[in-house]
Amino acid sequence: MYQDKSVFAQLVSFINRNHFNYLVRKYVKFFRCWNQLLTLMFGQLSNRESLRDLMVLLMLIRKRVNILDLVNM
């Protein structure tokens, strides 16, 4: 089985989650921005053409979504 990190996981590792959460707390009150950021990044990397296309893909791979760190979606 493939043991290395995916390209998506490698890109996410460049984002400082603590700083991101700080900015969210400062500017946004009731929104799960981290999940939205990861979802949109995944959509861009998987060459989705629309949000509906992205949601269909995420519904198809629902069991593997935890691998992408997308929880509570």
Protein backbone atom coordinates (compact mmCIF):
# COMPACT_ATOMS: atom_id res chain seq x y z
CA MET A 1 0.00 0.00 0.00
CA TYR A 2 1.12 3.56 -0.67
CA GLN A 3 2.76 4.96 2.48
CA ASP A 4 3.87 8.49 1.54
CA LYS A 5 1.77 11.60 2.01
CA SER A 6 -0.46 12.63 -0.87
CA VAL A 7 0.23 15.85 -2.75
CA PHE A 8 -2.82 17.34 -1.05
CA ALA A 9 -1.52 16.46 2.42
CA GLN A 10 1.89 17.91 1.55
CA LEU A 11 0.31 21.21 0.45
CA VAL A 12 -1.84 21.39 3.57
CA SER A 13 1.26 20.90 5.72
CA PHE A 14 2.55 24.30 4.52
CA ILE A 15 -0.42 26.05 6.14
CA ASN A 16 0.06 27.00 9.76
CA ARG A 17 -3.26 25.89 11.24
CA ASN A 18 -2.83 27.89 14.46
CA HIS A 19 -2.34 31.12 12.52
CA PHE A 20 -5.26 30.23 10.25
CA ASN A 21 -7.48 29.64 13.29
CA TYR A 22 -6.32 32.95 14.77
CA LEU A 23 -7.37 34.78 11.61
CA VAL A 24 -10.71 32.96 11.57
CA ARG A 25 -11.42 33.90 15.18
CA LYS A 26 -10.46 37.48 14.42
CA TYR A 27 -12.54 37.96 11.26
CA VAL A 28 -15.19 35.22 11.08
CA LYS A 29 -17.67 34.27 13.77
CA PHE A 30 -19.86 31.33 12.67
CA PHE A 31 -18.20 29.43 9.86
CA ARG A 32 -15.96 26.39 9.54
CA CYS A 33 -13.34 28.02 7.37
CA TRP A 34 -10.71 25.29 7.70
CA ASN A 35 -13.00 22.68 6.13
CA GLN A 36 -14.01 25.10 3.41
CA LEU A 37 -10.37 25.88 2.62
CA LEU A 38 -9.44 22.19 2.43
CA THR A 39 -12.51 21.40 0.33
CA LEU A 40 -11.77 24.16 -2.17
CA MET A 41 -8.10 23.19 -2.35
CA PHE A 42 -9.09 19.59 -3.00
CA GLY A 43 -11.53 20.72 -5.68
CA GLN A 44 -8.86 22.78 -7.39
CA LEU A 45 -6.31 19.95 -7.29
CA SER A 46 -8.82 17.40 -8.57
CA ASN A 47 -9.77 19.71 -11.46
CA ARG A 48 -13.45 20.02 -10.55
CA GLU A 49 -15.44 22.34 -12.80
CA SER A 50 -18.08 23.46 -10.31
CA LEU A 51 -19.05 23.24 -6.66
CA ARG A 52 -21.75 20.73 -7.56
CA ASP A 53 -19.13 18.58 -9.30
CA LEU A 54 -16.94 18.83 -6.19
CA MET A 55 -19.82 17.86 -3.88
CA VAL A 56 -20.68 14.83 -6.04
CA LEU A 57 -17.05 13.71 -5.83
CA LEU A 58 -16.95 14.18 -2.05
CA MET A 59 -20.18 12.20 -1.67
CA LEU A 60 -18.69 9.37 -3.73
CA ILE A 61 -15.53 9.22 -1.61
CA ARG A 62 -17.33 9.91 1.67
CA LYS A 63 -15.54 7.08 3.49
CA ARG A 64 -12.13 8.37 2.43
CA VAL A 65 -12.86 11.98 3.38
CA ASN A 66 -11.20 11.47 6.78
CA ILE A 67 -7.95 10.75 4.96
CA LEU A 68 -8.13 14.30 3.60
CA ASP A 69 -8.63 15.76 7.10
CA LEU A 70 -12.11 16.85 6.14
CA VAL A 71 -14.15 15.97 9.18
CA ASN A 72 -17.63 17.09 10.23
CA MET A 73 -18.70 17.87 6.67
